[in-house]
Amino acid sequence: MNASNISCDEVIERLFEYLDQELDATNRAEIDHHLRRCFDCFSRAEFERRLRARIAEAGTEQAPERLRARIRELTGQ
């Protein structure tokens, strides 16, 4: 892929690898370059970043004790 020729389809296809930092330096630089000049792809990448952050935050919250007690009651624990 050439940084000046990488298509939006290619960026979107590789977006999760990019966000997971699974690409080599050359491919990462190509996508970085594309994202700097393509607002649509940048917006998609930013949406995915924010979504991942929200999901990560949600995974750290504990259920209220009342809910946990109700689940224990229902499951017989």
PDB file of N, CA and C in Angstrom:
ATOM      1  N   MET A   1       0.836  -1.192   0.000  1.00  0.00           N
ATOM      2  CA  MET A   1       0.000   0.000   0.000  1.00  0.00           C
ATOM      3  C   MET A   1       0.871   1.242   0.000  1.00  0.00           C
ATOM      4  N   ASN A   2       0.478   2.165  -0.776  1.00  0.00           N
ATOM      5  CA  ASN A   2       1.152   3.449  -0.819  1.00  0.00           C
ATOM      6  C   ASN A   2       0.309   4.436  -0.035  1.00  0.00           C
ATOM      7  N   ALA A   3       0.929   5.217   0.834  1.00  0.00           N
ATOM      8  CA  ALA A   3       0.196   6.132   1.701  1.00  0.00           C
ATOM      9  C   ALA A   3      -0.700   7.075   0.922  1.00  0.00           C
ATOM     10  N   SER A   4      -0.272   7.473  -0.263  1.00  0.00           N
ATOM     11  CA  SER A   4      -1.085   8.402  -1.038  1.00  0.00           C
ATOM     12  C   SER A   4      -2.220   7.693  -1.771  1.00  0.00           C
ATOM     13  N   ASN A   5      -2.170   6.368  -1.858  1.00  0.00           N
ATOM     14  CA  ASN A   5      -3.184   5.622  -2.610  1.00  0.00           C
ATOM     15  C   ASN A   5      -4.060   4.715  -1.746  1.00  0.00           C
ATOM     16  N   ILE A   6      -3.822   4.637  -0.467  1.00  0.00           N
ATOM     17  CA  ILE A   6      -4.620   3.756   0.374  1.00  0.00           C
ATOM     18  C   ILE A   6      -6.074   4.237   0.346  1.00  0.00           C
ATOM     19  N   SER A   7      -6.978   3.316   0.137  1.00  0.00           N
ATOM     20  CA  SER A   7      -8.388   3.680   0.010  1.00  0.00           C
ATOM     21  C   SER A   7      -9.091   3.646   1.364  1.00  0.00           C
ATOM     22  N   CYS A   8     -10.239   4.282   1.391  1.00  0.00           N
ATOM     23  CA  CYS A   8     -11.062   4.248   2.596  1.00  0.00           C
ATOM     24  C   CYS A   8     -11.442   2.816   2.931  1.00  0.00           C
ATOM     25  N   ASP A   9     -11.773   2.027   1.927  1.00  0.00           N
ATOM     26  CA  ASP A   9     -12.121   0.626   2.162  1.00  0.00           C
ATOM     27  C   ASP A   9     -10.987  -0.128   2.841  1.00  0.00           C
ATOM     28  N   GLU A  10      -9.757   0.120   2.411  1.00  0.00           N
ATOM     29  CA  GLU A  10      -8.599  -0.545   3.023  1.00  0.00           C
ATOM     30  C   GLU A  10      -8.415  -0.096   4.470  1.00  0.00           C
ATOM     31  N   VAL A  11      -8.618   1.174   4.717  1.00  0.00           N
ATOM     32  CA  VAL A  11      -8.481   1.682   6.085  1.00  0.00           C
ATOM     33  C   VAL A  11      -9.524   1.038   6.986  1.00  0.00           C
ATOM     34  N   ILE A  12     -10.768   1.024   6.551  1.00  0.00           N
ATOM     35  CA  ILE A  12     -11.836   0.449   7.362  1.00  0.00           C
ATOM     36  C   ILE A  12     -11.614  -1.048   7.568  1.00  0.00           C
ATOM     37  N   GLU A  13     -11.149  -1.728   6.546  1.00  0.00           N
ATOM     38  CA  GLU A  13     -10.870  -3.163   6.645  1.00  0.00           C
ATOM     39  C   GLU A  13      -9.806  -3.456   7.689  1.00  0.00           C
ATOM     40  N   ARG A  14      -8.857  -2.547   7.861  1.00  0.00           N
ATOM     41  CA  ARG A  14      -7.735  -2.775   8.777  1.00  0.00           C
ATOM     42  C   ARG A  14      -7.839  -1.969  10.061  1.00  0.00           C
ATOM     43  N   LEU A  15      -8.967  -1.311  10.245  1.00  0.00           N
ATOM     44  CA  LEU A  15      -9.118  -0.385  11.376  1.00  0.00           C
ATOM     45  C   LEU A  15      -8.923  -1.068  12.724  1.00  0.00           C
ATOM     46  N   PHE A  16      -9.485  -2.249  12.903  1.00  0.00           N
ATOM     47  CA  PHE A  16      -9.355  -2.907  14.204  1.00  0.00           C
ATOM     48  C   PHE A  16      -7.918  -3.338  14.474  1.00  0.00           C
ATOM     49  N   GLU A  17      -7.210  -3.769  13.442  1.00  0.00           N
ATOM     50  CA  GLU A  17      -5.789  -4.090  13.611  1.00  0.00           C
ATOM     51  C   GLU A  17      -5.018  -2.829  13.988  1.00  0.00           C
ATOM     52  N   TYR A  18      -5.387  -1.727  13.366  1.00  0.00           N
ATOM     53  CA  TYR A  18      -4.749  -0.434  13.651  1.00  0.00           C
ATOM     54  C   TYR A  18      -4.999  -0.035  15.108  1.00  0.00           C
ATOM     55  N   LEU A  19      -6.246  -0.094  15.529  1.00  0.00           N
ATOM     56  CA  LEU A  19      -6.588   0.305  16.892  1.00  0.00           C
ATOM     57  C   LEU A  19      -5.980  -0.625  17.932  1.00  0.00           C
ATOM     58  N   ASP A  20      -5.823  -1.891  17.574  1.00  0.00           N
ATOM     59  CA  ASP A  20      -5.217  -2.862  18.488  1.00  0.00           C
ATOM     60  C   ASP A  20      -3.687  -2.838  18.419  1.00  0.00           C
ATOM     61  N   GLN A  21      -3.145  -1.959  17.613  1.00  0.00           N
ATOM     62  CA  GLN A  21      -1.697  -1.800  17.426  1.00  0.00           C
ATOM     63  C   GLN A  21      -1.047  -3.104  16.971  1.00  0.00           C
ATOM     64  N   GLU A  22      -1.712  -3.771  16.024  1.00  0.00           N
ATOM     65  CA  GLU A  22      -1.227  -5.039  15.489  1.00  0.00           C
ATOM     66  C   GLU A  22      -0.555  -4.886  14.129  1.00  0.00           C
ATOM     67  N   LEU A  23      -0.442  -3.669  13.633  1.00  0.00           N
ATOM     68  CA  LEU A  23       0.181  -3.428  12.331  1.00  0.00           C
ATOM     69  C   LEU A  23       1.647  -3.077  12.500  1.00  0.00           C
ATOM     70  N   ASP A  24       2.416  -3.379  11.466  1.00  0.00           N
ATOM     71  CA  ASP A  24       3.817  -2.962  11.492  1.00  0.00           C
ATOM     72  C   ASP A  24       3.885  -1.446  11.291  1.00  0.00           C
ATOM     73  N   ALA A  25       5.052  -0.890  11.514  1.00  0.00           N
ATOM     74  CA  ALA A  25       5.228   0.568  11.472  1.00  0.00           C
ATOM     75  C   ALA A  25       4.842   1.176  10.125  1.00  0.00           C
ATOM     76  N   THR A  26       5.153   0.492   9.031  1.00  0.00           N
ATOM     77  CA  THR A  26       4.849   1.018   7.694  1.00  0.00           C
ATOM     78  C   THR A  26       3.344   1.111   7.471  1.00  0.00           C
ATOM     79  N   ASN A  27       2.637   0.031   7.766  1.00  0.00           N
ATOM     80  CA  ASN A  27       1.184   0.033   7.576  1.00  0.00           C
ATOM     81  C   ASN A  27       0.497   1.010   8.520  1.00  0.00           C
ATOM     82  N   ARG A  28       0.987   1.099   9.736  1.00  0.00           N
ATOM     83  CA  ARG A  28       0.424   2.050  10.696  1.00  0.00           C
ATOM     84  C   ARG A  28       0.610   3.478  10.185  1.00  0.00           C
ATOM     85  N   ALA A  29       1.780   3.780   9.662  1.00  0.00           N
ATOM     86  CA  ALA A  29       2.050   5.122   9.130  1.00  0.00           C
ATOM     87  C   ALA A  29       1.146   5.437   7.945  1.00  0.00           C
ATOM     88  N   GLU A  30       0.882   4.447   7.107  1.00  0.00           N
ATOM     89  CA  GLU A  30      -0.004   4.657   5.958  1.00  0.00           C
ATOM     90  C   GLU A  30      -1.412   5.019   6.418  1.00  0.00           C
ATOM     91  N   ILE A  31      -1.887   4.308   7.416  1.00  0.00           N
ATOM     92  CA  ILE A  31      -3.232   4.596   7.919  1.00  0.00           C
ATOM     93  C   ILE A  31      -3.240   5.934   8.659  1.00  0.00           C
ATOM     94  N   ASP A  32      -2.216   6.215   9.432  1.00  0.00           N
ATOM     95  CA  ASP A  32      -2.108   7.533  10.094  1.00  0.00           C
ATOM     96  C   ASP A  32      -2.209   8.653   9.065  1.00  0.00           C
ATOM     97  N   HIS A  33      -1.473   8.502   7.981  1.00  0.00           N
ATOM     98  CA  HIS A  33      -1.471   9.514   6.925  1.00  0.00           C
ATOM     99  C   HIS A  33      -2.880   9.678   6.341  1.00  0.00           C
ATOM    100  N   HIS A  34      -3.540   8.562   6.071  1.00  0.00           N
ATOM    101  CA  HIS A  34      -4.883   8.614   5.511  1.00  0.00           C
ATOM    102  C   HIS A  34      -5.847   9.290   6.485  1.00  0.00           C
ATOM    103  N   LEU A  35      -5.762   8.937   7.763  1.00  0.00           N
ATOM    104  CA  LEU A  35      -6.672   9.506   8.756  1.00  0.00           C
ATOM    105  C   LEU A  35      -6.482  11.010   8.917  1.00  0.00           C
ATOM    106  N   ARG A  36      -5.277  11.490   8.689  1.00  0.00           N
ATOM    107  CA  ARG A  36      -5.021  12.936   8.775  1.00  0.00           C
ATOM    108  C   ARG A  36      -5.681  13.703   7.638  1.00  0.00           C
ATOM    109  N   ARG A  37      -5.945  13.029   6.523  1.00  0.00           N
ATOM    110  CA  ARG A  37      -6.505  13.743   5.375  1.00  0.00           C
ATOM    111  C   ARG A  37      -7.943  13.344   5.030  1.00  0.00           C
ATOM    112  N   CYS A  38      -8.482  12.321   5.688  1.00  0.00           N
ATOM    113  CA  CYS A  38      -9.830  11.852   5.369  1.00  0.00           C
ATOM    114  C   CYS A  38     -10.711  11.961   6.614  1.00  0.00           C
ATOM    115  N   PHE A  39     -11.590  12.945   6.598  1.00  0.00           N
ATOM    116  CA  PHE A  39     -12.447  13.187   7.754  1.00  0.00           C
ATOM    117  C   PHE A  39     -13.385  12.020   8.019  1.00  0.00           C
ATOM    118  N   ASP A  40     -13.927  11.385   6.982  1.00  0.00           N
ATOM    119  CA  ASP A  40     -14.851  10.268   7.175  1.00  0.00           C
ATOM    120  C   ASP A  40     -14.173   9.100   7.897  1.00  0.00           C
ATOM    121  N   CYS A  41     -13.000   8.731   7.468  1.00  0.00           N
ATOM    122  CA  CYS A  41     -12.283   7.627   8.112  1.00  0.00           C
ATOM    123  C   CYS A  41     -11.817   8.022   9.511  1.00  0.00           C
ATOM    124  N   PHE A  42     -11.377   9.263   9.666  1.00  0.00           N
ATOM    125  CA  PHE A  42     -10.982   9.742  10.986  1.00  0.00           C
ATOM    126  C   PHE A  42     -12.162   9.655  11.950  1.00  0.00           C
ATOM    127  N   SER A  43     -13.344  10.071  11.483  1.00  0.00           N
ATOM    128  CA  SER A  43     -14.539  10.026  12.329  1.00  0.00           C
ATOM    129  C   SER A  43     -14.874   8.602  12.732  1.00  0.00           C
ATOM    130  N   ARG A  44     -14.757   7.682  11.801  1.00  0.00           N
ATOM    131  CA  ARG A  44     -15.028   6.263  12.103  1.00  0.00           C
ATOM    132  C   ARG A  44     -14.028   5.732  13.123  1.00  0.00           C
ATOM    133  N   ALA A  45     -12.756   6.052  12.925  1.00  0.00           N
ATOM    134  CA  ALA A  45     -11.722   5.595  13.852  1.00  0.00           C
ATOM    135  C   ALA A  45     -11.948   6.196  15.242  1.00  0.00           C
ATOM    136  N   GLU A  46     -12.302   7.457  15.289  1.00  0.00           N
ATOM    137  CA  GLU A  46     -12.545   8.124  16.572  1.00  0.00           C
ATOM    138  C   GLU A  46     -13.762   7.520  17.276  1.00  0.00           C
ATOM    139  N   PHE A  47     -14.812   7.224  16.518  1.00  0.00           N
ATOM    140  CA  PHE A  47     -15.985   6.571  17.091  1.00  0.00           C
ATOM    141  C   PHE A  47     -15.594   5.235  17.712  1.00  0.00           C
ATOM    142  N   GLU A  48     -14.815   4.431  16.992  1.00  0.00           N
ATOM    143  CA  GLU A  48     -14.406   3.112  17.499  1.00  0.00           C
ATOM    144  C   GLU A  48     -13.529   3.257  18.745  1.00  0.00           C
ATOM    145  N   ARG A  49     -12.632   4.240  18.755  1.00  0.00           N
ATOM    146  CA  ARG A  49     -11.792   4.481  19.943  1.00  0.00           C
ATOM    147  C   ARG A  49     -12.659   4.810  21.152  1.00  0.00           C
ATOM    148  N   ARG A  50     -13.597   5.716  20.965  1.00  0.00           N
ATOM    149  CA  ARG A  50     -14.468   6.132  22.078  1.00  0.00           C
ATOM    150  C   ARG A  50     -15.366   4.997  22.546  1.00  0.00           C
ATOM    151  N   LEU A  51     -15.872   4.214  21.616  1.00  0.00           N
ATOM    152  CA  LEU A  51     -16.705   3.080  21.975  1.00  0.00           C
ATOM    153  C   LEU A  51     -15.911   2.085  22.813  1.00  0.00           C
ATOM    154  N   ARG A  52     -14.704   1.795  22.398  1.00  0.00           N
ATOM    155  CA  ARG A  52     -13.854   0.875  23.153  1.00  0.00           C
ATOM    156  C   ARG A  52     -13.579   1.405  24.557  1.00  0.00           C
ATOM    157  N   ALA A  53     -13.345   2.700  24.670  1.00  0.00           N
ATOM    158  CA  ALA A  53     -13.087   3.299  25.982  1.00  0.00           C
ATOM    159  C   ALA A  53     -14.312   3.174  26.884  1.00  0.00           C
ATOM    160  N   ARG A  54     -15.501   3.428  26.323  1.00  0.00           N
ATOM    161  CA  ARG A  54     -16.739   3.318  27.105  1.00  0.00           C
ATOM    162  C   ARG A  54     -16.980   1.887  27.562  1.00  0.00           C
ATOM    163  N   ILE A  55     -16.726   0.946  26.688  1.00  0.00           N
ATOM    164  CA  ILE A  55     -16.914  -0.462  27.046  1.00  0.00           C
ATOM    165  C   ILE A  55     -15.934  -0.860  28.143  1.00  0.00           C
ATOM    166  N   ALA A  56     -14.703  -0.408  28.018  1.00  0.00           N
ATOM    167  CA  ALA A  56     -13.694  -0.712  29.038  1.00  0.00           C
ATOM    168  C   ALA A  56     -14.092  -0.125  30.384  1.00  0.00           C
ATOM    169  N   GLU A  57     -14.611   1.093  30.385  1.00  0.00           N
ATOM    170  CA  GLU A  57     -15.060   1.730  31.625  1.00  0.00           C
ATOM    171  C   GLU A  57     -16.222   0.967  32.238  1.00  0.00           C
ATOM    172  N   ALA A  58     -17.150   0.540  31.424  1.00  0.00           N
ATOM    173  CA  ALA A  58     -18.339  -0.160  31.910  1.00  0.00           C
ATOM    174  C   ALA A  58     -17.967  -1.492  32.546  1.00  0.00           C
ATOM    175  N   GLY A  59     -16.924  -2.100  32.075  1.00  0.00           N
ATOM    176  CA  GLY A  59     -16.508  -3.391  32.603  1.00  0.00           C
ATOM    177  C   GLY A  59     -15.901  -3.316  33.981  1.00  0.00           C
ATOM    178  N   THR A  60     -15.632  -2.142  34.476  1.00  0.00           N
ATOM    179  CA  THR A  60     -15.003  -2.005  35.785  1.00  0.00           C
ATOM    180  C   THR A  60     -16.003  -1.704  36.889  1.00  0.00           C
ATOM    181  N   GLU A  61     -17.245  -1.450  36.534  1.00  0.00           N
ATOM    182  CA  GLU A  61     -18.258  -1.149  37.530  1.00  0.00           C
ATOM    183  C   GLU A  61     -18.847  -2.432  38.089  1.00  0.00           C
ATOM    184  N   GLN A  62     -19.096  -2.447  39.389  1.00  0.00           N
ATOM    185  CA  GLN A  62     -19.725  -3.599  40.019  1.00  0.00           C
ATOM    186  C   GLN A  62     -21.226  -3.382  40.103  1.00  0.00           C
ATOM    187  N   ALA A  63     -21.941  -4.482  40.013  1.00  0.00           N
ATOM    188  CA  ALA A  63     -23.389  -4.422  40.168  1.00  0.00           C
ATOM    189  C   ALA A  63     -23.707  -4.050  41.620  1.00  0.00           C
ATOM    190  N   PRO A  64     -24.800  -3.329  41.829  1.00  0.00           N
ATOM    191  CA  PRO A  64     -25.188  -2.984  43.204  1.00  0.00           C
ATOM    192  C   PRO A  64     -25.435  -4.250  44.035  1.00  0.00           C
ATOM    193  N   GLU A  65     -25.209  -4.152  45.324  1.00  0.00           N
ATOM    194  CA  GLU A  65     -25.364  -5.303  46.207  1.00  0.00           C
ATOM    195  C   GLU A  65     -26.769  -5.894  46.121  1.00  0.00           C
ATOM    196  N   ARG A  66     -27.756  -5.056  46.012  1.00  0.00           N
ATOM    197  CA  ARG A  66     -29.142  -5.540  45.922  1.00  0.00           C
ATOM    198  C   ARG A  66     -29.327  -6.459  44.706  1.00  0.00           C
ATOM    199  N   LEU A  67     -28.760  -6.073  43.577  1.00  0.00           N
ATOM    200  CA  LEU A  67     -28.851  -6.897  42.375  1.00  0.00           C
ATOM    201  C   LEU A  67     -28.087  -8.201  42.554  1.00  0.00           C
ATOM    202  N   ARG A  68     -26.901  -8.128  43.116  1.00  0.00           N
ATOM    203  CA  ARG A  68     -26.112  -9.342  43.339  1.00  0.00           C
ATOM    204  C   ARG A  68     -26.830 -10.301  44.283  1.00  0.00           C
ATOM    205  N   ALA A  69     -27.473  -9.756  45.324  1.00  0.00           N
ATOM    206  CA  ALA A  69     -28.224 -10.596  46.258  1.00  0.00           C
ATOM    207  C   ALA A  69     -29.396 -11.267  45.545  1.00  0.00           C
ATOM    208  N   ARG A  70     -30.067 -10.526  44.692  1.00  0.00           N
ATOM    209  CA  ARG A  70     -31.206 -11.085  43.949  1.00  0.00           C
ATOM    210  C   ARG A  70     -30.753 -12.217  43.023  1.00  0.00           C
ATOM    211  N   ILE A  71     -29.618 -12.036  42.373  1.00  0.00           N
ATOM    212  CA  ILE A  71     -29.084 -13.082  41.485  1.00  0.00           C
ATOM    213  C   ILE A  71     -28.709 -14.320  42.303  1.00  0.00           C
ATOM    214  N   ARG A  72     -28.077 -14.111  43.451  1.00  0.00           N
ATOM    215  CA  ARG A  72     -27.743 -15.254  44.313  1.00  0.00           C
ATOM    216  C   ARG A  72     -29.004 -15.997  44.742  1.00  0.00           C
ATOM    217  N   GLU A  73     -30.029 -15.231  45.063  1.00  0.00           N
ATOM    218  CA  GLU A  73     -31.305 -15.820  45.470  1.00  0.00           C
ATOM    219  C   GLU A  73     -31.902 -16.662  44.344  1.00  0.00           C
ATOM    220  N   LEU A  74     -31.868 -16.133  43.146  1.00  0.00           N
ATOM    221  CA  LEU A  74     -32.461 -16.822  41.987  1.00  0.00           C
ATOM    222  C   LEU A  74     -31.661 -18.068  41.591  1.00  0.00           C
ATOM    223  N   THR A  75     -30.361 -18.027  41.812  1.00  0.00           N
ATOM    224  CA  THR A  75     -29.532 -19.160  41.404  1.00  0.00           C
ATOM    225  C   THR A  75     -29.281 -20.144  42.547  1.00  0.00           C
ATOM    226  N   GLY A  76     -29.814 -19.811  43.721  1.00  0.00           N
ATOM    227  CA  GLY A  76     -29.681 -20.711  44.862  1.00  0.00           C
ATOM    228  C   GLY A  76     -28.293 -20.742  45.472  1.00  0.00           C
ATOM    229  N   GLN A  77     -27.558 -19.685  45.331  1.00  0.00           N
ATOM    230  CA  GLN A  77     -26.192 -19.641  45.872  1.00  0.00           C
ATOM    231  C   GLN A  77     -26.152 -18.933  47.202  1.00  0.00           C
TER     232      GLN A  77
END
